[in-house]
């Protein structure tokens, strides 16, 4: 990772779940935008800029932090799988 990047955001600082907001779905904190919107749109081939244009309430830094957090989770999973294979 780039050494100049800010400290990775925590799950709790990025996301919220409230039964009164979107039926309790996990959303970006301070919005009504479910996190899967970001990843579904990326999977469909949209660029981050296109997604942010479509969802102006979604801050760029929150979207980027969510992608970084997902990448870190995948890296951690890969490390765990490798460790299990070598034990």
PDB file of N, CA and C in Angstrom:
ATOM      1  N   UNK A   1       0.824  -1.188   0.000  1.00  0.00           N
ATOM      2  CA  UNK A   1       0.000   0.000   0.000  1.00  0.00           C
ATOM      3  C   UNK A   1       0.864   1.246   0.000  1.00  0.00           C
ATOM      4  N   UNK A   2       0.327   2.319  -0.519  1.00  0.00           N
ATOM      5  CA  UNK A   2       1.018   3.587  -0.566  1.00  0.00           C
ATOM      6  C   UNK A   2       1.276   4.085   0.850  1.00  0.00           C
ATOM      7  N   UNK A   3       2.525   4.395   1.147  1.00  0.00           N
ATOM      8  CA  UNK A   3       2.897   4.825   2.496  1.00  0.00           C
ATOM      9  C   UNK A   3       2.253   6.145   2.873  1.00  0.00           C
ATOM     10  N   UNK A   4       1.824   6.920   1.906  1.00  0.00           N
ATOM     11  CA  UNK A   4       1.211   8.201   2.203  1.00  0.00           C
ATOM     12  C   UNK A   4      -0.292   8.098   2.463  1.00  0.00           C
ATOM     13  N   UNK A   5      -0.858   6.938   2.277  1.00  0.00           N
ATOM     14  CA  UNK A   5      -2.298   6.779   2.520  1.00  0.00           C
ATOM     15  C   UNK A   5      -2.598   6.968   3.987  1.00  0.00           C
ATOM     16  N   UNK A   6      -3.786   7.482   4.229  1.00  0.00           N
ATOM     17  CA  UNK A   6      -4.220   7.667   5.607  1.00  0.00           C
ATOM     18  C   UNK A   6      -4.451   6.312   6.262  1.00  0.00           C
ATOM     19  N   UNK A   7      -4.524   6.325   7.566  1.00  0.00           N
ATOM     20  CA  UNK A   7      -4.825   5.098   8.297  1.00  0.00           C
ATOM     21  C   UNK A   7      -6.161   4.553   7.796  1.00  0.00           C
ATOM     22  N   UNK A   8      -6.222   3.248   7.610  1.00  0.00           N
ATOM     23  CA  UNK A   8      -7.434   2.638   7.087  1.00  0.00           C
ATOM     24  C   UNK A   8      -8.613   2.871   8.043  1.00  0.00           C
ATOM     25  N   UNK A   9      -9.729   3.261   7.481  1.00  0.00           N
ATOM     26  CA  UNK A   9     -10.940   3.500   8.267  1.00  0.00           C
ATOM     27  C   UNK A   9     -11.452   2.194   8.859  1.00  0.00           C
ATOM     28  N   UNK A  10     -12.113   2.315   9.977  1.00  0.00           N
ATOM     29  CA  UNK A  10     -12.688   1.133  10.608  1.00  0.00           C
ATOM     30  C   UNK A  10     -14.087   0.880  10.049  1.00  0.00           C
ATOM     31  N   UNK A  11     -14.485  -0.350  10.169  1.00  0.00           N
ATOM     32  CA  UNK A  11     -15.826  -0.773   9.763  1.00  0.00           C
ATOM     33  C   UNK A  11     -16.876   0.104  10.447  1.00  0.00           C
ATOM     34  N   UNK A  12     -16.686   0.333  11.748  1.00  0.00           N
ATOM     35  CA  UNK A  12     -17.668   1.085  12.526  1.00  0.00           C
ATOM     36  C   UNK A  12     -17.768   2.540  12.087  1.00  0.00           C
ATOM     37  N   UNK A  13     -16.662   3.112  11.622  1.00  0.00           N
ATOM     38  CA  UNK A  13     -16.698   4.510  11.200  1.00  0.00           C
ATOM     39  C   UNK A  13     -17.318   4.675   9.813  1.00  0.00           C
ATOM     40  N   UNK A  14     -17.348   3.615   9.028  1.00  0.00           N
ATOM     41  CA  UNK A  14     -17.864   3.693   7.656  1.00  0.00           C
ATOM     42  C   UNK A  14     -19.320   3.284   7.504  1.00  0.00           C
ATOM     43  N   UNK A  15     -19.741   2.301   8.266  1.00  0.00           N
ATOM     44  CA  UNK A  15     -21.041   1.687   8.033  1.00  0.00           C
ATOM     45  C   UNK A  15     -21.934   1.761   9.267  1.00  0.00           C
ATOM     46  N   UNK A  16     -23.231   1.693   9.020  1.00  0.00           N
ATOM     47  CA  UNK A  16     -24.210   1.687  10.104  1.00  0.00           C
ATOM     48  C   UNK A  16     -25.353   0.761   9.722  1.00  0.00           C
ATOM     49  N   UNK A  17     -26.007   0.251  10.730  1.00  0.00           N
ATOM     50  CA  UNK A  17     -27.203  -0.569  10.526  1.00  0.00           C
ATOM     51  C   UNK A  17     -28.219  -0.166  11.586  1.00  0.00           C
ATOM     52  N   UNK A  18     -29.383   0.249  11.129  1.00  0.00           N
ATOM     53  CA  UNK A  18     -30.448   0.705  12.018  1.00  0.00           C
ATOM     54  C   UNK A  18     -31.764   0.169  11.460  1.00  0.00           C
ATOM     55  N   UNK A  19     -32.545  -0.517  12.277  1.00  0.00           N
ATOM     56  CA  UNK A  19     -33.818  -1.052  11.781  1.00  0.00           C
ATOM     57  C   UNK A  19     -34.728   0.015  11.170  1.00  0.00           C
ATOM     58  N   UNK A  20     -34.530   1.268  11.560  1.00  0.00           N
ATOM     59  CA  UNK A  20     -35.358   2.364  11.042  1.00  0.00           C
ATOM     60  C   UNK A  20     -34.827   2.928   9.717  1.00  0.00           C
ATOM     61  N   UNK A  21     -33.650   2.495   9.308  1.00  0.00           N
ATOM     62  CA  UNK A  21     -33.055   2.988   8.063  1.00  0.00           C
ATOM     63  C   UNK A  21     -32.865   1.815   7.109  1.00  0.00           C
ATOM     64  N   UNK A  22     -33.564   1.853   6.006  1.00  0.00           N
ATOM     65  CA  UNK A  22     -33.455   0.813   4.971  1.00  0.00           C
ATOM     66  C   UNK A  22     -33.692  -0.587   5.545  1.00  0.00           C
ATOM     67  N   UNK A  23     -34.570  -0.693   6.510  1.00  0.00           N
ATOM     68  CA  UNK A  23     -34.915  -1.999   7.075  1.00  0.00           C
ATOM     69  C   UNK A  23     -33.758  -2.691   7.771  1.00  0.00           C
ATOM     70  N   UNK A  24     -32.780  -1.911   8.235  1.00  0.00           N
ATOM     71  CA  UNK A  24     -31.650  -2.495   8.941  1.00  0.00           C
ATOM     72  C   UNK A  24     -30.506  -2.936   8.052  1.00  0.00           C
ATOM     73  N   UNK A  25     -30.621  -2.701   6.743  1.00  0.00           N
ATOM     74  CA  UNK A  25     -29.515  -3.057   5.845  1.00  0.00           C
ATOM     75  C   UNK A  25     -28.281  -2.250   6.227  1.00  0.00           C
ATOM     76  N   UNK A  26     -27.120  -2.791   5.961  1.00  0.00           N
ATOM     77  CA  UNK A  26     -25.864  -2.112   6.226  1.00  0.00           C
ATOM     78  C   UNK A  26     -25.692  -0.999   5.195  1.00  0.00           C
ATOM     79  N   UNK A  27     -25.577   0.241   5.679  1.00  0.00           N
ATOM     80  CA  UNK A  27     -25.475   1.406   4.805  1.00  0.00           C
ATOM     81  C   UNK A  27     -24.213   2.192   5.138  1.00  0.00           C
ATOM     82  N   UNK A  28     -23.818   3.050   4.206  1.00  0.00           N
ATOM     83  CA  UNK A  28     -22.742   3.984   4.510  1.00  0.00           C
ATOM     84  C   UNK A  28     -23.250   4.934   5.587  1.00  0.00           C
ATOM     85  N   UNK A  29     -22.462   5.110   6.630  1.00  0.00           N
ATOM     86  CA  UNK A  29     -22.852   5.946   7.768  1.00  0.00           C
ATOM     87  C   UNK A  29     -23.264   7.335   7.286  1.00  0.00           C
ATOM     88  N   UNK A  30     -24.386   7.810   7.803  1.00  0.00           N
ATOM     89  CA  UNK A  30     -24.896   9.131   7.465  1.00  0.00           C
ATOM     90  C   UNK A  30     -25.673   9.190   6.164  1.00  0.00           C
ATOM     91  N   UNK A  31     -25.880   8.031   5.535  1.00  0.00           N
ATOM     92  CA  UNK A  31     -26.634   7.977   4.280  1.00  0.00           C
ATOM     93  C   UNK A  31     -27.681   6.872   4.366  1.00  0.00           C
ATOM     94  N   UNK A  32     -28.435   6.732   3.317  1.00  0.00           N
ATOM     95  CA  UNK A  32     -29.367   5.606   3.168  1.00  0.00           C
ATOM     96  C   UNK A  32     -28.895   4.706   2.026  1.00  0.00           C
ATOM     97  N   UNK A  33     -27.604   4.752   1.728  1.00  0.00           N
ATOM     98  CA  UNK A  33     -27.036   4.009   0.597  1.00  0.00           C
ATOM     99  C   UNK A  33     -26.436   2.693   1.099  1.00  0.00           C
ATOM    100  N   UNK A  34     -27.042   1.559   0.737  1.00  0.00           N
ATOM    101  CA  UNK A  34     -26.494   0.260   1.140  1.00  0.00           C
ATOM    102  C   UNK A  34     -25.105   0.034   0.552  1.00  0.00           C
ATOM    103  N   UNK A  35     -24.243  -0.609   1.307  1.00  0.00           N
ATOM    104  CA  UNK A  35     -22.869  -0.801   0.831  1.00  0.00           C
ATOM    105  C   UNK A  35     -22.816  -1.670  -0.414  1.00  0.00           C
ATOM    106  N   UNK A  36     -23.771  -2.563  -0.569  1.00  0.00           N
ATOM    107  CA  UNK A  36     -23.713  -3.424  -1.755  1.00  0.00           C
ATOM    108  C   UNK A  36     -23.919  -2.635  -3.044  1.00  0.00           C
ATOM    109  N   UNK A  37     -24.514  -1.454  -2.960  1.00  0.00           N
ATOM    110  CA  UNK A  37     -24.679  -0.607  -4.147  1.00  0.00           C
ATOM    111  C   UNK A  37     -23.313  -0.326  -4.775  1.00  0.00           C
ATOM    112  N   UNK A  38     -22.338   0.004  -3.932  1.00  0.00           N
ATOM    113  CA  UNK A  38     -20.999   0.298  -4.436  1.00  0.00           C
ATOM    114  C   UNK A  38     -20.416  -0.913  -5.151  1.00  0.00           C
ATOM    115  N   UNK A  39     -20.435  -2.062  -4.483  1.00  0.00           N
ATOM    116  CA  UNK A  39     -19.781  -3.245  -5.049  1.00  0.00           C
ATOM    117  C   UNK A  39     -20.562  -3.844  -6.211  1.00  0.00           C
ATOM    118  N   UNK A  40     -21.885  -3.795  -6.154  1.00  0.00           N
ATOM    119  CA  UNK A  40     -22.689  -4.274  -7.288  1.00  0.00           C
ATOM    120  C   UNK A  40     -22.410  -3.433  -8.536  1.00  0.00           C
ATOM    121  N   UNK A  41     -22.334  -2.125  -8.366  1.00  0.00           N
ATOM    122  CA  UNK A  41     -22.071  -1.247  -9.504  1.00  0.00           C
ATOM    123  C   UNK A  41     -20.657  -1.426 -10.036  1.00  0.00           C
ATOM    124  N   UNK A  42     -19.684  -1.595  -9.147  1.00  0.00           N
ATOM    125  CA  UNK A  42     -18.325  -1.879  -9.608  1.00  0.00           C
ATOM    126  C   UNK A  42     -18.287  -3.194 -10.386  1.00  0.00           C
ATOM    127  N   UNK A  43     -18.982  -4.202  -9.876  1.00  0.00           N
ATOM    128  CA  UNK A  43     -19.025  -5.502 -10.551  1.00  0.00           C
ATOM    129  C   UNK A  43     -19.702  -5.395 -11.917  1.00  0.00           C
ATOM    130  N   UNK A  44     -20.631  -4.457 -12.049  1.00  0.00           N
ATOM    131  CA  UNK A  44     -21.306  -4.248 -13.330  1.00  0.00           C
ATOM    132  C   UNK A  44     -20.472  -3.427 -14.309  1.00  0.00           C
ATOM    133  N   UNK A  45     -19.280  -2.999 -13.880  1.00  0.00           N
ATOM    134  CA  UNK A  45     -18.379  -2.295 -14.776  1.00  0.00           C
ATOM    135  C   UNK A  45     -18.409  -0.785 -14.688  1.00  0.00           C
ATOM    136  N   UNK A  46     -19.181  -0.228 -13.761  1.00  0.00           N
ATOM    137  CA  UNK A  46     -19.204   1.218 -13.616  1.00  0.00           C
ATOM    138  C   UNK A  46     -17.921   1.685 -12.932  1.00  0.00           C
ATOM    139  N   UNK A  47     -17.477   2.863 -13.291  1.00  0.00           N
ATOM    140  CA  UNK A  47     -16.317   3.442 -12.630  1.00  0.00           C
ATOM    141  C   UNK A  47     -16.756   4.065 -11.313  1.00  0.00           C
ATOM    142  N   UNK A  48     -15.797   4.325 -10.458  1.00  0.00           N
ATOM    143  CA  UNK A  48     -16.119   4.969  -9.184  1.00  0.00           C
ATOM    144  C   UNK A  48     -16.763   6.329  -9.435  1.00  0.00           C
ATOM    145  N   UNK A  49     -16.257   7.074 -10.395  1.00  0.00           N
ATOM    146  CA  UNK A  49     -16.841   8.383 -10.702  1.00  0.00           C
ATOM    147  C   UNK A  49     -18.293   8.263 -11.152  1.00  0.00           C
ATOM    148  N   UNK A  50     -18.596   7.250 -11.962  1.00  0.00           N
ATOM    149  CA  UNK A  50     -19.980   7.044 -12.403  1.00  0.00           C
ATOM    150  C   UNK A  50     -20.886   6.728 -11.217  1.00  0.00           C
ATOM    151  N   UNK A  51     -20.395   5.921 -10.299  1.00  0.00           N
ATOM    152  CA  UNK A  51     -21.186   5.558  -9.117  1.00  0.00           C
ATOM    153  C   UNK A  51     -21.423   6.788  -8.254  1.00  0.00           C
ATOM    154  N   UNK A  52     -20.369   7.557  -8.039  1.00  0.00           N
ATOM    155  CA  UNK A  52     -20.501   8.761  -7.211  1.00  0.00           C
ATOM    156  C   UNK A  52     -21.421   9.787  -7.858  1.00  0.00           C
ATOM    157  N   UNK A  53     -21.419   9.870  -9.180  1.00  0.00           N
ATOM    158  CA  UNK A  53     -22.354  10.760  -9.884  1.00  0.00           C
ATOM    159  C   UNK A  53     -23.794  10.310  -9.672  1.00  0.00           C
ATOM    160  N   UNK A  54     -24.004   9.003  -9.662  1.00  0.00           N
ATOM    161  CA  UNK A  54     -25.354   8.453  -9.488  1.00  0.00           C
ATOM    162  C   UNK A  54     -25.833   8.540  -8.035  1.00  0.00           C
ATOM    163  N   UNK A  55     -24.885   8.575  -7.097  1.00  0.00           N
ATOM    164  CA  UNK A  55     -25.206   8.621  -5.664  1.00  0.00           C
ATOM    165  C   UNK A  55     -24.457   9.783  -5.020  1.00  0.00           C
ATOM    166  N   UNK A  56     -24.921  11.016  -5.252  1.00  0.00           N
ATOM    167  CA  UNK A  56     -24.192  12.184  -4.758  1.00  0.00           C
ATOM    168  C   UNK A  56     -24.077  12.251  -3.231  1.00  0.00           C
ATOM    169  N   UNK A  57     -24.909  11.532  -2.503  1.00  0.00           N
ATOM    170  CA  UNK A  57     -24.811  11.524  -1.033  1.00  0.00           C
ATOM    171  C   UNK A  57     -23.672  10.639  -0.539  1.00  0.00           C
ATOM    172  N   UNK A  58     -23.075   9.863  -1.431  1.00  0.00           N
ATOM    173  CA  UNK A  58     -21.978   8.969  -1.057  1.00  0.00           C
ATOM    174  C   UNK A  58     -20.652   9.718  -1.189  1.00  0.00           C
ATOM    175  N   UNK A  59     -19.993   9.999  -0.062  1.00  0.00           N
ATOM    176  CA  UNK A  59     -18.708  10.696  -0.146  1.00  0.00           C
ATOM    177  C   UNK A  59     -17.627   9.812  -0.781  1.00  0.00           C
ATOM    178  N   UNK A  60     -16.812  10.423  -1.632  1.00  0.00           N
ATOM    179  CA  UNK A  60     -15.737   9.693  -2.300  1.00  0.00           C
ATOM    180  C   UNK A  60     -14.846   9.003  -1.277  1.00  0.00           C
ATOM    181  N   UNK A  61     -14.474   9.699  -0.194  1.00  0.00           N
ATOM    182  CA  UNK A  61     -13.556   9.097   0.764  1.00  0.00           C
ATOM    183  C   UNK A  61     -14.168   7.874   1.442  1.00  0.00           C
ATOM    184  N   UNK A  62     -15.476   7.869   1.630  1.00  0.00           N
ATOM    185  CA  UNK A  62     -16.134   6.688   2.208  1.00  0.00           C
ATOM    186  C   UNK A  62     -16.120   5.519   1.227  1.00  0.00           C
ATOM    187  N   UNK A  63     -16.376   5.805  -0.044  1.00  0.00           N
ATOM    188  CA  UNK A  63     -16.360   4.741  -1.052  1.00  0.00           C
ATOM    189  C   UNK A  63     -14.963   4.154  -1.195  1.00  0.00           C
ATOM    190  N   UNK A  64     -13.958   5.011  -1.258  1.00  0.00           N
ATOM    191  CA  UNK A  64     -12.579   4.540  -1.384  1.00  0.00           C
ATOM    192  C   UNK A  64     -12.181   3.739  -0.147  1.00  0.00           C
ATOM    193  N   UNK A  65     -12.556   4.226   1.030  1.00  0.00           N
ATOM    194  CA  UNK A  65     -12.230   3.512   2.273  1.00  0.00           C
ATOM    195  C   UNK A  65     -12.906   2.143   2.310  1.00  0.00           C
ATOM    196  N   UNK A  66     -14.137   2.044   1.810  1.00  0.00           N
ATOM    197  CA  UNK A  66     -14.834   0.755   1.777  1.00  0.00           C
ATOM    198  C   UNK A  66     -14.118  -0.223   0.851  1.00  0.00           C
ATOM    199  N   UNK A  67     -13.646   0.260  -0.288  1.00  0.00           N
ATOM    200  CA  UNK A  67     -12.905  -0.598  -1.216  1.00  0.00           C
ATOM    201  C   UNK A  67     -11.599  -1.054  -0.578  1.00  0.00           C
ATOM    202  N   UNK A  68     -10.912  -0.144   0.084  1.00  0.00           N
ATOM    203  CA  UNK A  68      -9.661  -0.503   0.765  1.00  0.00           C
ATOM    204  C   UNK A  68      -9.915  -1.524   1.869  1.00  0.00           C
ATOM    205  N   UNK A  69     -10.989  -1.337   2.619  1.00  0.00           N
ATOM    206  CA  UNK A  69     -11.329  -2.266   3.691  1.00  0.00           C
ATOM    207  C   UNK A  69     -11.644  -3.649   3.128  1.00  0.00           C
ATOM    208  N   UNK A  70     -12.362  -3.692   2.019  1.00  0.00           N
ATOM    209  CA  UNK A  70     -12.662  -4.978   1.380  1.00  0.00           C
ATOM    210  C   UNK A  70     -11.377  -5.642   0.892  1.00  0.00           C
ATOM    211  N   UNK A  71     -10.479  -4.857   0.325  1.00  0.00           N
ATOM    212  CA  UNK A  71      -9.198  -5.402  -0.124  1.00  0.00           C
ATOM    213  C   UNK A  71      -8.384  -5.957   1.025  1.00  0.00           C
ATOM    214  N   UNK A  72      -8.378  -5.254   2.146  1.00  0.00           N
ATOM    215  CA  UNK A  72      -7.648  -5.731   3.323  1.00  0.00           C
ATOM    216  C   UNK A  72      -8.263  -7.020   3.857  1.00  0.00           C
ATOM    217  N   UNK A  73      -9.589  -7.118   3.832  1.00  0.00           N
ATOM    218  CA  UNK A  73     -10.256  -8.331   4.299  1.00  0.00           C
ATOM    219  C   UNK A  73      -9.900  -9.523   3.411  1.00  0.00           C
ATOM    220  N   UNK A  74      -9.834  -9.294   2.109  1.00  0.00           N
ATOM    221  CA  UNK A  74      -9.461 -10.370   1.179  1.00  0.00           C
ATOM    222  C   UNK A  74      -8.016 -10.780   1.399  1.00  0.00           C
ATOM    223  N   UNK A  75      -7.125  -9.810   1.590  1.00  0.00           N
ATOM    224  CA  UNK A  75      -5.718 -10.122   1.855  1.00  0.00           C
ATOM    225  C   UNK A  75      -5.574 -10.941   3.129  1.00  0.00           C
ATOM    226  N   UNK A  76      -6.334 -10.580   4.150  1.00  0.00           N
ATOM    227  CA  UNK A  76      -6.294 -11.327   5.414  1.00  0.00           C
ATOM    228  C   UNK A  76      -6.796 -12.754   5.202  1.00  0.00           C
ATOM    229  N   UNK A  77      -7.855 -12.909   4.439  1.00  0.00           N
ATOM    230  CA  UNK A  77      -8.388 -14.240   4.143  1.00  0.00           C
ATOM    231  C   UNK A  77      -7.358 -15.070   3.386  1.00  0.00           C
ATOM    232  N   UNK A  78      -6.689 -14.471   2.412  1.00  0.00           N
ATOM    233  CA  UNK A  78      -5.656 -15.188   1.651  1.00  0.00           C
ATOM    234  C   UNK A  78      -4.524 -15.653   2.573  1.00  0.00           C
ATOM    235  N   UNK A  79      -4.115 -14.802   3.499  1.00  0.00           N
ATOM    236  CA  UNK A  79      -3.062 -15.167   4.452  1.00  0.00           C
ATOM    237  C   UNK A  79      -3.505 -16.341   5.313  1.00  0.00           C
ATOM    238  N   UNK A  80      -4.753 -16.320   5.746  1.00  0.00           N
ATOM    239  CA  UNK A  80      -5.288 -17.405   6.572  1.00  0.00           C
ATOM    240  C   UNK A  80      -5.322 -18.723   5.802  1.00  0.00           C
ATOM    241  N   UNK A  81      -5.730 -18.656   4.543  1.00  0.00           N
ATOM    242  CA  UNK A  81      -5.800 -19.863   3.717  1.00  0.00           C
ATOM    243  C   UNK A  81      -4.385 -20.436   3.517  1.00  0.00           C
ATOM    244  N   UNK A  82      -3.415 -19.559   3.225  1.00  0.00           N
ATOM    245  CA  UNK A  82      -2.036 -20.020   3.048  1.00  0.00           C
ATOM    246  C   UNK A  82      -1.502 -20.632   4.328  1.00  0.00           C
ATOM    247  N   UNK A  83      -1.783 -20.021   5.459  1.00  0.00           N
ATOM    248  CA  UNK A  83      -1.306 -20.553   6.734  1.00  0.00           C
ATOM    249  C   UNK A  83      -1.911 -21.933   7.009  1.00  0.00           C
ATOM    250  N   UNK A  84      -3.208 -22.082   6.692  1.00  0.00           N
ATOM    251  CA  UNK A  84      -3.866 -23.391   6.888  1.00  0.00           C
ATOM    252  C   UNK A  84      -3.271 -24.452   5.969  1.00  0.00           C
ATOM    253  N   UNK A  85      -2.890 -24.074   4.753  1.00  0.00           N
ATOM    254  CA  UNK A  85      -2.328 -25.021   3.802  1.00  0.00           C
ATOM    255  C   UNK A  85      -0.950 -25.494   4.213  1.00  0.00           C
ATOM    256  N   UNK A  86      -0.247 -24.676   4.987  1.00  0.00           N
ATOM    257  CA  UNK A  86       1.110 -25.013   5.378  1.00  0.00           C
ATOM    258  C   UNK A  86       1.213 -25.552   6.807  1.00  0.00           C
ATOM    259  N   UNK A  87       0.051 -25.780   7.439  1.00  0.00           N
ATOM    260  CA  UNK A  87       0.127 -26.314   8.808  1.00  0.00           C
ATOM    261  C   UNK A  87      -0.203 -27.785   8.857  1.00  0.00           C
TER     262      UNK A  87
END
